[in-house]
Amino acid sequence: MTHHTEADQALKELTEGNKRYASLKQKHPNQGSRRRAEVSKGQKPFAVIVGCSDSRIPPEILFDQGLGDIFVIRVAGNIVDDVALGSIEYAVDHLHTKLVVILGHSKCGAVTATVQGGEAHGHIAGIVKAIAPAVKKAKGKKGDLTDNAIRANVELVTKQVKTSTPIIAKMVRTGKVKVVGAYYDIDTGLVEIV
């Protein structure tokens, strides 16, 4: 099986799980004691999800996955810094995960705060600074500025991950890893690959 086939299969698995979740037909796979015993010996997650810390979007639930299935990095605004990139590198380089999904979502508070401007206090300023280029990119486009900024943020973070040297960029170039953006609609429960 080629790497891209594995990545595409992983994406199909996530998409199907999300459809089950959105239509309330979850299987809650890999959540029993047998799976717990199995993964205690090691992990082989089939996808990496870079998601937002927002309490409404837990990836294991909205993709209907279980223990050991997905390697999750969550930070407000689904942005990445060196620590997040190092976490992705660990998954793709050491655990041989072939798919990385950057998951943004509707009604994202971090992006909304950045769009609204005003003074961000404490460490929140760092999050706002990271999202600011997405807001700049979304300005002047048709439609809702906040929603466009959420989508632009996914696009920019996806590009940032894809081009991250030395590890991820090389793996993307050689077809070992696929990085895709996605958008989760909080109201419908559906994830759209963007």
N, C-alpha and C. Protein backbone atom coordinates (compact mmCIF):
# COMPACT_ATOMS: atom_id res chain seq x y z
N MET A 1 0.84 -1.20 0.00
CA MET A 1 0.00 0.00 0.00
C MET A 1 0.88 1.25 0.00
N THR A 2 0.65 2.16 -0.94
CA THR A 2 1.46 3.36 -0.97
C THR A 2 1.06 4.28 0.18
N HIS A 3 1.97 5.20 0.49
CA HIS A 3 1.70 6.11 1.60
C HIS A 3 0.45 6.93 1.37
N HIS A 4 0.28 7.42 0.12
CA HIS A 4 -0.89 8.25 -0.15
C HIS A 4 -2.18 7.47 -0.03
N THR A 5 -2.13 6.20 -0.42
CA THR A 5 -3.32 5.35 -0.26
C THR A 5 -3.65 5.24 1.22
N GLU A 6 -2.62 5.08 2.05
CA GLU A 6 -2.83 5.00 3.51
C GLU A 6 -3.42 6.29 4.04
N ALA A 7 -2.91 7.44 3.57
CA ALA A 7 -3.43 8.74 4.00
C ALA A 7 -4.88 8.91 3.56
N ASP A 8 -5.17 8.51 2.31
CA ASP A 8 -6.54 8.62 1.80
C ASP A 8 -7.50 7.70 2.56
N GLN A 9 -7.02 6.52 2.90
CA GLN A 9 -7.81 5.57 3.68
C GLN A 9 -8.10 6.15 5.07
N ALA A 10 -7.09 6.78 5.65
CA ALA A 10 -7.24 7.41 6.97
C ALA A 10 -8.28 8.52 6.91
N LEU A 11 -8.24 9.31 5.84
CA LEU A 11 -9.18 10.41 5.67
C LEU A 11 -10.61 9.87 5.50
N LYS A 12 -10.73 8.77 4.77
CA LYS A 12 -12.03 8.11 4.56
C LYS A 12 -12.58 7.62 5.91
N GLU A 13 -11.71 7.04 6.70
CA GLU A 13 -12.07 6.53 8.04
C GLU A 13 -12.60 7.68 8.93
N LEU A 14 -11.91 8.82 8.88
CA LEU A 14 -12.34 9.99 9.66
C LEU A 14 -13.67 10.52 9.16
N THR A 15 -13.80 10.64 7.85
CA THR A 15 -15.03 11.16 7.23
C THR A 15 -16.22 10.28 7.55
N GLU A 16 -16.03 8.97 7.44
CA GLU A 16 -17.12 8.04 7.76
C GLU A 16 -17.50 8.10 9.23
N GLY A 17 -16.49 8.20 10.09
CA GLY A 17 -16.75 8.33 11.54
C GLY A 17 -17.52 9.60 11.84
N ASN A 18 -17.16 10.69 11.15
CA ASN A 18 -17.85 11.96 11.35
C ASN A 18 -19.30 11.87 10.89
N LYS A 19 -19.54 11.18 9.78
CA LYS A 19 -20.92 11.02 9.30
C LYS A 19 -21.74 10.23 10.31
N ARG A 20 -21.13 9.20 10.91
CA ARG A 20 -21.85 8.42 11.95
C ARG A 20 -22.20 9.34 13.12
N TYR A 21 -21.23 10.14 13.55
CA TYR A 21 -21.44 11.06 14.68
C TYR A 21 -22.56 12.06 14.37
N ALA A 22 -22.50 12.69 13.19
CA ALA A 22 -23.47 13.72 12.83
C ALA A 22 -24.89 13.16 12.72
N SER A 23 -24.99 11.87 12.30
CA SER A 23 -26.32 11.27 12.16
C SER A 23 -26.69 10.40 13.38
N LEU A 24 -25.92 10.57 14.45
CA LEU A 24 -26.15 9.87 15.72
C LEU A 24 -26.17 8.34 15.57
N LYS A 25 -25.25 7.82 14.75
CA LYS A 25 -25.13 6.37 14.55
C LYS A 25 -23.73 5.91 14.96
N GLN A 26 -23.21 6.52 16.04
CA GLN A 26 -21.85 6.21 16.48
C GLN A 26 -21.68 4.74 16.83
N LYS A 27 -20.45 4.25 16.57
CA LYS A 27 -20.11 2.87 16.94
C LYS A 27 -19.26 2.83 18.21
N HIS A 28 -18.73 3.99 18.61
CA HIS A 28 -17.82 4.09 19.76
C HIS A 28 -16.77 2.98 19.72
N PRO A 29 -16.00 2.91 18.61
CA PRO A 29 -15.05 1.81 18.45
C PRO A 29 -13.84 1.94 19.38
N ASN A 30 -13.18 0.81 19.61
CA ASN A 30 -11.90 0.79 20.34
C ASN A 30 -11.93 1.49 21.69
N GLN A 31 -13.03 1.27 22.45
CA GLN A 31 -13.13 1.94 23.74
C GLN A 31 -13.26 0.96 24.90
N GLY A 32 -13.11 -0.34 24.61
CA GLY A 32 -13.26 -1.34 25.67
C GLY A 32 -11.95 -1.76 26.31
N SER A 33 -12.04 -2.71 27.22
CA SER A 33 -10.86 -3.17 27.95
C SER A 33 -9.85 -3.89 27.05
N ARG A 34 -10.36 -4.58 26.02
CA ARG A 34 -9.46 -5.27 25.09
C ARG A 34 -8.57 -4.26 24.37
N ARG A 35 -9.18 -3.17 23.89
CA ARG A 35 -8.43 -2.12 23.20
C ARG A 35 -7.44 -1.45 24.16
N ARG A 36 -7.87 -1.22 25.39
CA ARG A 36 -6.98 -0.60 26.39
C ARG A 36 -5.74 -1.45 26.60
N ALA A 37 -5.94 -2.76 26.68
CA ALA A 37 -4.82 -3.69 26.86
C ALA A 37 -3.91 -3.68 25.63
N GLU A 38 -4.54 -3.62 24.46
CA GLU A 38 -3.81 -3.61 23.19
C GLU A 38 -2.91 -2.38 23.07
N VAL A 39 -3.47 -1.20 23.34
CA VAL A 39 -2.70 0.04 23.17
C VAL A 39 -1.72 0.30 24.31
N SER A 40 -1.85 -0.44 25.40
CA SER A 40 -0.88 -0.26 26.49
C SER A 40 0.51 -0.74 26.04
N LYS A 41 0.54 -1.54 24.99
CA LYS A 41 1.81 -2.06 24.46
C LYS A 41 2.44 -1.09 23.45
N GLY A 42 1.69 -0.08 23.02
CA GLY A 42 2.20 0.89 22.04
C GLY A 42 1.06 1.48 21.24
N GLN A 43 1.38 2.54 20.51
CA GLN A 43 0.34 3.22 19.73
C GLN A 43 0.70 3.30 18.25
N LYS A 44 -0.35 3.18 17.43
CA LYS A 44 -0.19 3.33 15.97
C LYS A 44 -1.36 4.16 15.45
N PRO A 45 -1.45 5.43 15.87
CA PRO A 45 -2.59 6.23 15.41
C PRO A 45 -2.59 6.39 13.89
N PHE A 46 -3.76 6.35 13.26
CA PHE A 46 -3.82 6.44 11.80
C PHE A 46 -3.91 7.87 11.30
N ALA A 47 -4.15 8.84 12.21
CA ALA A 47 -4.22 10.24 11.81
C ALA A 47 -3.80 11.15 12.95
N VAL A 48 -3.28 12.32 12.58
CA VAL A 48 -2.96 13.39 13.54
C VAL A 48 -4.03 14.46 13.33
N ILE A 49 -4.62 14.92 14.42
CA ILE A 49 -5.59 16.01 14.32
C ILE A 49 -5.04 17.20 15.11
N VAL A 50 -4.89 18.33 14.43
CA VAL A 50 -4.53 19.57 15.11
C VAL A 50 -5.83 20.34 15.23
N GLY A 51 -6.38 20.38 16.43
CA GLY A 51 -7.69 20.99 16.62
C GLY A 51 -7.66 22.11 17.63
N CYS A 52 -8.79 22.76 17.78
CA CYS A 52 -8.95 23.85 18.73
C CYS A 52 -9.28 23.29 20.11
N SER A 53 -8.90 24.01 21.14
CA SER A 53 -9.18 23.59 22.52
C SER A 53 -10.66 23.68 22.88
N ASP A 54 -11.44 24.35 22.05
CA ASP A 54 -12.87 24.55 22.28
C ASP A 54 -13.53 23.26 22.78
N SER A 55 -14.23 23.37 23.90
CA SER A 55 -14.83 22.19 24.55
C SER A 55 -15.90 21.50 23.71
N ARG A 56 -16.34 22.17 22.64
CA ARG A 56 -17.41 21.61 21.82
C ARG A 56 -16.90 20.74 20.67
N ILE A 57 -15.57 20.62 20.52
CA ILE A 57 -15.08 19.88 19.36
C ILE A 57 -14.04 18.80 19.70
N PRO A 58 -14.35 17.88 20.61
CA PRO A 58 -13.38 16.81 20.89
C PRO A 58 -13.25 15.86 19.70
N PRO A 59 -12.08 15.78 19.07
CA PRO A 59 -11.92 14.98 17.85
C PRO A 59 -12.32 13.51 17.98
N GLU A 60 -12.02 12.88 19.11
CA GLU A 60 -12.39 11.46 19.25
C GLU A 60 -13.89 11.28 19.14
N ILE A 61 -14.65 12.24 19.66
CA ILE A 61 -16.11 12.14 19.61
C ILE A 61 -16.64 12.48 18.22
N LEU A 62 -16.19 13.61 17.65
CA LEU A 62 -16.79 14.00 16.38
C LEU A 62 -16.31 13.19 15.19
N PHE A 63 -15.24 12.40 15.37
CA PHE A 63 -14.83 11.46 14.31
C PHE A 63 -15.17 10.02 14.69
N ASP A 64 -15.86 9.83 15.83
CA ASP A 64 -16.26 8.51 16.32
C ASP A 64 -15.08 7.53 16.32
N GLN A 65 -14.03 7.91 17.06
CA GLN A 65 -12.84 7.07 17.17
C GLN A 65 -12.60 6.70 18.62
N GLY A 66 -11.66 5.77 18.82
CA GLY A 66 -11.40 5.31 20.18
C GLY A 66 -9.95 5.44 20.59
N LEU A 67 -9.57 4.66 21.59
CA LEU A 67 -8.21 4.69 22.12
C LEU A 67 -7.20 4.29 21.05
N GLY A 68 -6.14 5.06 20.94
CA GLY A 68 -5.06 4.72 20.03
C GLY A 68 -5.32 5.01 18.56
N ASP A 69 -6.48 5.60 18.24
CA ASP A 69 -6.82 5.83 16.83
C ASP A 69 -6.26 7.13 16.26
N ILE A 70 -6.39 8.21 17.04
CA ILE A 70 -5.93 9.50 16.53
C ILE A 70 -5.01 10.18 17.54
N PHE A 71 -4.00 10.86 17.00
CA PHE A 71 -3.01 11.58 17.78
C PHE A 71 -3.44 13.04 17.75
N VAL A 72 -3.83 13.58 18.90
CA VAL A 72 -4.50 14.88 18.93
C VAL A 72 -3.65 15.98 19.58
N ILE A 73 -3.55 17.10 18.89
CA ILE A 73 -2.90 18.29 19.42
C ILE A 73 -3.97 19.36 19.45
N ARG A 74 -4.25 19.90 20.62
CA ARG A 74 -5.31 20.92 20.72
C ARG A 74 -4.79 22.18 21.37
N VAL A 75 -5.02 23.29 20.71
CA VAL A 75 -4.65 24.60 21.25
C VAL A 75 -5.66 25.61 20.70
N ALA A 76 -5.96 26.63 21.48
CA ALA A 76 -6.95 27.63 21.05
C ALA A 76 -6.62 28.14 19.66
N GLY A 77 -7.62 28.12 18.77
CA GLY A 77 -7.44 28.63 17.42
C GLY A 77 -6.73 27.66 16.49
N ASN A 78 -6.56 26.41 16.92
CA ASN A 78 -5.85 25.38 16.13
C ASN A 78 -4.63 25.93 15.39
N ILE A 79 -3.81 26.66 16.15
CA ILE A 79 -2.58 27.22 15.59
C ILE A 79 -1.42 26.31 16.02
N VAL A 80 -0.29 26.46 15.35
CA VAL A 80 0.87 25.63 15.73
C VAL A 80 2.08 26.49 16.05
N ASP A 81 2.80 26.08 17.09
CA ASP A 81 4.09 26.68 17.44
C ASP A 81 5.12 25.56 17.37
N ASP A 82 6.33 25.81 17.84
CA ASP A 82 7.39 24.79 17.79
C ASP A 82 7.02 23.53 18.55
N VAL A 83 6.35 23.68 19.67
CA VAL A 83 5.97 22.52 20.48
C VAL A 83 4.92 21.66 19.74
N ALA A 84 3.94 22.33 19.14
CA ALA A 84 2.91 21.61 18.37
C ALA A 84 3.55 20.94 17.15
N LEU A 85 4.45 21.65 16.46
CA LEU A 85 5.12 21.08 15.29
C LEU A 85 5.95 19.87 15.71
N GLY A 86 6.62 19.97 16.85
CA GLY A 86 7.39 18.84 17.37
C GLY A 86 6.50 17.64 17.67
N SER A 87 5.30 17.91 18.15
CA SER A 87 4.33 16.83 18.43
C SER A 87 3.89 16.16 17.13
N ILE A 88 3.65 16.96 16.09
CA ILE A 88 3.28 16.41 14.78
C ILE A 88 4.44 15.58 14.23
N GLU A 89 5.67 16.13 14.35
CA GLU A 89 6.86 15.42 13.87
C GLU A 89 7.00 14.07 14.55
N TYR A 90 6.74 14.03 15.84
CA TYR A 90 6.82 12.77 16.58
C TYR A 90 5.86 11.74 15.98
N ALA A 91 4.63 12.18 15.70
CA ALA A 91 3.62 11.27 15.15
C ALA A 91 3.98 10.77 13.76
N VAL A 92 4.42 11.67 12.88
CA VAL A 92 4.69 11.25 11.51
C VAL A 92 6.04 10.53 11.37
N ASP A 93 7.01 10.93 12.17
CA ASP A 93 8.35 10.38 12.04
C ASP A 93 8.55 9.10 12.87
N HIS A 94 8.04 9.10 14.09
CA HIS A 94 8.26 7.95 14.98
C HIS A 94 7.11 6.95 14.99
N LEU A 95 5.88 7.47 14.86
CA LEU A 95 4.72 6.57 14.90
C LEU A 95 4.24 6.22 13.49
N HIS A 96 4.85 6.85 12.47
CA HIS A 96 4.56 6.58 11.05
C HIS A 96 3.12 6.88 10.64
N THR A 97 2.55 7.92 11.25
CA THR A 97 1.20 8.35 10.89
C THR A 97 1.28 9.10 9.55
N LYS A 98 0.39 8.77 8.63
CA LYS A 98 0.48 9.29 7.26
C LYS A 98 -0.39 10.51 6.98
N LEU A 99 -1.33 10.82 7.88
CA LEU A 99 -2.26 11.91 7.63
C LEU A 99 -2.27 12.92 8.78
N VAL A 100 -2.21 14.20 8.42
CA VAL A 100 -2.33 15.28 9.40
C VAL A 100 -3.51 16.15 8.97
N VAL A 101 -4.44 16.37 9.90
CA VAL A 101 -5.62 17.20 9.61
C VAL A 101 -5.60 18.44 10.50
N ILE A 102 -5.68 19.60 9.87
CA ILE A 102 -5.79 20.86 10.62
C ILE A 102 -7.27 21.18 10.68
N LEU A 103 -7.84 21.11 11.89
CA LEU A 103 -9.29 21.20 12.05
C LEU A 103 -9.72 22.53 12.67
N GLY A 104 -10.29 23.39 11.83
CA GLY A 104 -10.90 24.62 12.33
C GLY A 104 -12.38 24.39 12.55
N HIS A 105 -13.07 25.35 13.12
CA HIS A 105 -14.51 25.15 13.35
C HIS A 105 -15.27 26.47 13.36
N SER A 106 -16.56 26.37 13.07
CA SER A 106 -17.43 27.55 13.08
C SER A 106 -17.49 28.12 14.50
N LYS A 107 -17.75 29.41 14.58
CA LYS A 107 -17.92 30.10 15.87
C LYS A 107 -16.68 30.01 16.77
N CYS A 108 -15.49 29.97 16.17
CA CYS A 108 -14.25 29.85 16.95
C CYS A 108 -14.00 31.15 17.73
N GLY A 109 -13.93 31.03 19.04
CA GLY A 109 -13.74 32.19 19.92
C GLY A 109 -12.41 32.89 19.72
N ALA A 110 -11.36 32.11 19.47
CA ALA A 110 -10.03 32.71 19.30
C ALA A 110 -9.97 33.58 18.05
N VAL A 111 -10.58 33.10 16.97
CA VAL A 111 -10.60 33.87 15.73
C VAL A 111 -11.55 35.07 15.88
N THR A 112 -12.68 34.86 16.52
CA THR A 112 -13.64 35.94 16.76
C THR A 112 -12.99 37.08 17.53
N ALA A 113 -12.25 36.75 18.58
CA ALA A 113 -11.55 37.76 19.39
C ALA A 113 -10.53 38.52 18.56
N THR A 114 -9.85 37.81 17.67
CA THR A 114 -8.84 38.45 16.82
C THR A 114 -9.51 39.41 15.83
N VAL A 115 -10.65 38.99 15.28
CA VAL A 115 -11.40 39.83 14.34
C VAL A 115 -11.88 41.10 15.05
N GLN A 116 -12.38 40.94 16.27
CA GLN A 116 -12.94 42.07 17.02
C GLN A 116 -11.87 43.06 17.47
N GLY A 117 -10.63 42.59 17.56
CA GLY A 117 -9.53 43.47 17.96
C GLY A 117 -9.62 43.81 19.43
N GLY A 118 -9.14 44.98 19.78
CA GLY A 118 -9.10 45.33 21.20
C GLY A 118 -7.85 44.72 21.82
N GLU A 119 -7.63 44.99 23.09
CA GLU A 119 -6.40 44.53 23.72
C GLU A 119 -6.54 43.13 24.29
N ALA A 120 -5.64 42.24 23.88
CA ALA A 120 -5.63 40.89 24.43
C ALA A 120 -4.64 40.87 25.58
N HIS A 121 -5.09 40.39 26.73
CA HIS A 121 -4.24 40.40 27.92
C HIS A 121 -3.49 39.09 28.10
N GLY A 122 -2.39 39.17 28.83
CA GLY A 122 -1.62 37.98 29.18
C GLY A 122 -1.13 37.22 27.97
N HIS A 123 -1.12 35.92 28.09
CA HIS A 123 -0.62 35.05 27.03
C HIS A 123 -1.60 34.92 25.86
N ILE A 124 -2.84 35.40 26.05
CA ILE A 124 -3.83 35.36 24.97
C ILE A 124 -3.34 36.19 23.79
N ALA A 125 -2.55 37.22 24.08
CA ALA A 125 -2.00 38.08 23.02
C ALA A 125 -1.21 37.26 22.00
N GLY A 126 -0.53 36.21 22.45
CA GLY A 126 0.24 35.34 21.56
C GLY A 126 -0.65 34.59 20.59
N ILE A 127 -1.82 34.19 21.06
CA ILE A 127 -2.78 33.47 20.20
C ILE A 127 -3.32 34.44 19.14
N VAL A 128 -3.72 35.62 19.60
CA VAL A 128 -4.26 36.64 18.70
C VAL A 128 -3.23 37.01 17.63
N LYS A 129 -1.98 37.15 18.03
CA LYS A 129 -0.90 37.51 17.09
C LYS A 129 -0.75 36.42 16.02
N ALA A 130 -0.88 35.16 16.43
CA ALA A 130 -0.74 34.05 15.49
C ALA A 130 -1.91 33.98 14.49
N ILE A 131 -3.09 34.43 14.92
CA ILE A 131 -4.28 34.37 14.06
C ILE A 131 -4.43 35.62 13.18
N ALA A 132 -3.78 36.71 13.57
CA ALA A 132 -3.89 37.99 12.85
C ALA A 132 -3.67 37.90 11.33
N PRO A 133 -2.67 37.13 10.83
CA PRO A 133 -2.51 37.03 9.38
C PRO A 133 -3.73 36.45 8.66
N ALA A 134 -4.45 35.57 9.31
CA ALA A 134 -5.66 34.98 8.72
C ALA A 134 -6.76 36.02 8.60
N VAL A 135 -6.87 36.88 9.61
CA VAL A 135 -7.87 37.95 9.58
C VAL A 135 -7.54 38.92 8.45
N LYS A 136 -6.25 39.25 8.32
CA LYS A 136 -5.79 40.15 7.26
C LYS A 136 -6.13 39.57 5.88
N LYS A 137 -5.90 38.25 5.75
CA LYS A 137 -6.16 37.56 4.48
C LYS A 137 -7.66 37.53 4.15
N ALA A 138 -8.50 37.46 5.18
CA ALA A 138 -9.95 37.35 4.99
C ALA A 138 -10.62 38.69 4.69
N LYS A 139 -9.95 39.79 5.07
CA LYS A 139 -10.54 41.13 4.88
C LYS A 139 -10.79 41.40 3.40
N GLY A 140 -11.96 41.97 3.11
CA GLY A 140 -12.30 42.33 1.73
C GLY A 140 -12.91 41.19 0.92
N LYS A 141 -13.00 40.00 1.52
CA LYS A 141 -13.63 38.90 0.80
C LYS A 141 -15.13 38.94 1.04
N LYS A 142 -15.90 38.38 0.10
CA LYS A 142 -17.37 38.32 0.25
C LYS A 142 -17.71 37.40 1.42
N GLY A 143 -18.82 37.72 2.08
CA GLY A 143 -19.28 36.85 3.17
C GLY A 143 -18.87 37.35 4.54
N ASP A 144 -19.05 36.51 5.52
CA ASP A 144 -18.79 36.85 6.92
C ASP A 144 -17.30 36.87 7.22
N LEU A 145 -16.82 37.99 7.74
CA LEU A 145 -15.39 38.15 8.01
C LEU A 145 -14.85 37.10 8.98
N THR A 146 -15.57 36.86 10.06
CA THR A 146 -15.10 35.88 11.05
C THR A 146 -15.01 34.49 10.45
N ASP A 147 -16.05 34.06 9.75
CA ASP A 147 -16.04 32.73 9.15
C ASP A 147 -14.95 32.61 8.08
N ASN A 148 -14.78 33.66 7.29
CA ASN A 148 -13.71 33.66 6.29
C ASN A 148 -12.34 33.60 6.96
N ALA A 149 -12.19 34.28 8.09
CA ALA A 149 -10.93 34.27 8.84
C ALA A 149 -10.66 32.88 9.43
N ILE A 150 -11.71 32.21 9.88
CA ILE A 150 -11.57 30.84 10.41
C ILE A 150 -11.03 29.94 9.32
N ARG A 151 -11.60 30.06 8.13
CA ARG A 151 -11.16 29.24 6.99
C ARG A 151 -9.75 29.63 6.53
N ALA A 152 -9.46 30.92 6.52
CA ALA A 152 -8.12 31.38 6.13
C ALA A 152 -7.08 30.88 7.14
N ASN A 153 -7.46 30.85 8.41
CA ASN A 153 -6.57 30.35 9.46
C ASN A 153 -6.22 28.88 9.22
N VAL A 154 -7.23 28.08 8.88
CA VAL A 154 -7.00 26.66 8.56
C VAL A 154 -6.02 26.55 7.39
N GLU A 155 -6.26 27.37 6.37
CA GLU A 155 -5.42 27.36 5.17
C GLU A 155 -3.97 27.72 5.51
N LEU A 156 -3.78 28.77 6.30
CA LEU A 156 -2.44 29.22 6.66
C LEU A 156 -1.71 28.22 7.56
N VAL A 157 -2.43 27.64 8.52
CA VAL A 157 -1.80 26.66 9.41
C VAL A 157 -1.45 25.39 8.62
N THR A 158 -2.33 25.00 7.69
CA THR A 158 -2.05 23.83 6.84
C THR A 158 -0.76 24.06 6.06
N LYS A 159 -0.63 25.25 5.49
CA LYS A 159 0.58 25.60 4.72
C LYS A 159 1.81 25.61 5.64
N GLN A 160 1.64 26.16 6.83
CA GLN A 160 2.74 26.23 7.80
C GLN A 160 3.24 24.83 8.17
N VAL A 161 2.30 23.91 8.38
CA VAL A 161 2.67 22.54 8.73
C VAL A 161 3.33 21.84 7.54
N LYS A 162 2.72 21.98 6.36
CA LYS A 162 3.26 21.35 5.14
C LYS A 162 4.69 21.76 4.84
N THR A 163 5.02 23.01 5.15
CA THR A 163 6.33 23.54 4.79
C THR A 163 7.31 23.56 5.97
N SER A 164 6.92 22.92 7.07
CA SER A 164 7.77 22.92 8.26
C SER A 164 9.01 22.05 8.05
N THR A 165 10.18 22.69 8.15
CA THR A 165 11.45 21.97 7.98
C THR A 165 12.03 21.63 9.35
N PRO A 166 12.85 20.62 9.48
CA PRO A 166 13.35 19.78 8.39
C PRO A 166 12.49 18.55 8.10
N ILE A 167 11.63 18.16 9.02
CA ILE A 167 11.00 16.84 8.93
C ILE A 167 9.74 16.79 8.06
N ILE A 168 8.73 17.60 8.39
CA ILE A 168 7.43 17.45 7.74
C ILE A 168 7.47 17.80 6.25
N ALA A 169 8.13 18.92 5.92
CA ALA A 169 8.19 19.36 4.51
C ALA A 169 8.77 18.25 3.62
N LYS A 170 9.81 17.61 4.11
CA LYS A 170 10.45 16.53 3.34
C LYS A 170 9.50 15.34 3.17
N MET A 171 8.79 14.99 4.24
CA MET A 171 7.86 13.86 4.19
C MET A 171 6.67 14.16 3.26
N VAL A 172 6.24 15.43 3.21
CA VAL A 172 5.17 15.83 2.31
C VAL A 172 5.68 15.76 0.87
N ARG A 173 6.89 16.29 0.65
CA ARG A 173 7.49 16.30 -0.68
C ARG A 173 7.67 14.89 -1.25
N THR A 174 8.08 13.96 -0.39
CA THR A 174 8.32 12.59 -0.85
C THR A 174 7.06 11.72 -0.81
N GLY A 175 5.92 12.33 -0.47
CA GLY A 175 4.65 11.61 -0.50
C GLY A 175 4.43 10.67 0.68
N LYS A 176 5.22 10.83 1.75
CA LYS A 176 5.06 9.96 2.92
C LYS A 176 3.94 10.44 3.83
N VAL A 177 3.64 11.74 3.75
CA VAL A 177 2.64 12.33 4.63
C VAL A 177 1.75 13.27 3.83
N LYS A 178 0.48 13.28 4.17
CA LYS A 178 -0.48 14.19 3.55
C LYS A 178 -1.01 15.12 4.64
N VAL A 179 -1.05 16.42 4.36
CA VAL A 179 -1.57 17.41 5.32
C VAL A 179 -2.78 18.07 4.68
N VAL A 180 -3.93 18.01 5.36
CA VAL A 180 -5.15 18.62 4.82
C VAL A 180 -5.82 19.51 5.86
N GLY A 181 -6.58 20.48 5.36
CA GLY A 181 -7.36 21.34 6.22
C GLY A 181 -8.79 20.85 6.29
N ALA A 182 -9.46 21.16 7.39
CA ALA A 182 -10.86 20.76 7.55
C ALA A 182 -11.60 21.82 8.38
N TYR A 183 -12.90 21.84 8.20
CA TYR A 183 -13.75 22.82 8.88
C TYR A 183 -14.94 22.08 9.50
N TYR A 184 -15.09 22.24 10.81
CA TYR A 184 -16.18 21.58 11.53
C TYR A 184 -17.30 22.57 11.79
N ASP A 185 -18.51 22.21 11.39
CA ASP A 185 -19.68 23.04 11.62
C ASP A 185 -20.32 22.61 12.94
N ILE A 186 -20.23 23.48 13.93
CA ILE A 186 -20.75 23.17 15.26
C ILE A 186 -22.25 22.86 15.25
N ASP A 187 -22.99 23.49 14.33
CA ASP A 187 -24.44 23.27 14.29
C ASP A 187 -24.85 21.94 13.66
N THR A 188 -24.21 21.58 12.55
CA THR A 188 -24.61 20.34 11.88
C THR A 188 -23.83 19.12 12.38
N GLY A 189 -22.67 19.37 12.98
CA GLY A 189 -21.82 18.26 13.42
C GLY A 189 -20.96 17.68 12.31
N LEU A 190 -21.02 18.31 11.12
CA LEU A 190 -20.28 17.77 9.99
C LEU A 190 -18.94 18.44 9.76
N VAL A 191 -17.96 17.64 9.36
CA VAL A 191 -16.64 18.13 9.01
C VAL A 191 -16.53 18.17 7.48
N GLU A 192 -16.02 19.27 6.98
CA GLU A 192 -15.82 19.43 5.54
C GLU A 192 -14.32 19.53 5.32
N ILE A 193 -13.80 18.75 4.37
CA ILE A 193 -12.37 18.83 4.05
C ILE A 193 -12.20 20.02 3.11
N VAL A 194 -11.29 20.91 3.44
CA VAL A 194 -11.13 22.14 2.63
C VAL A 194 -9.83 22.18 1.85
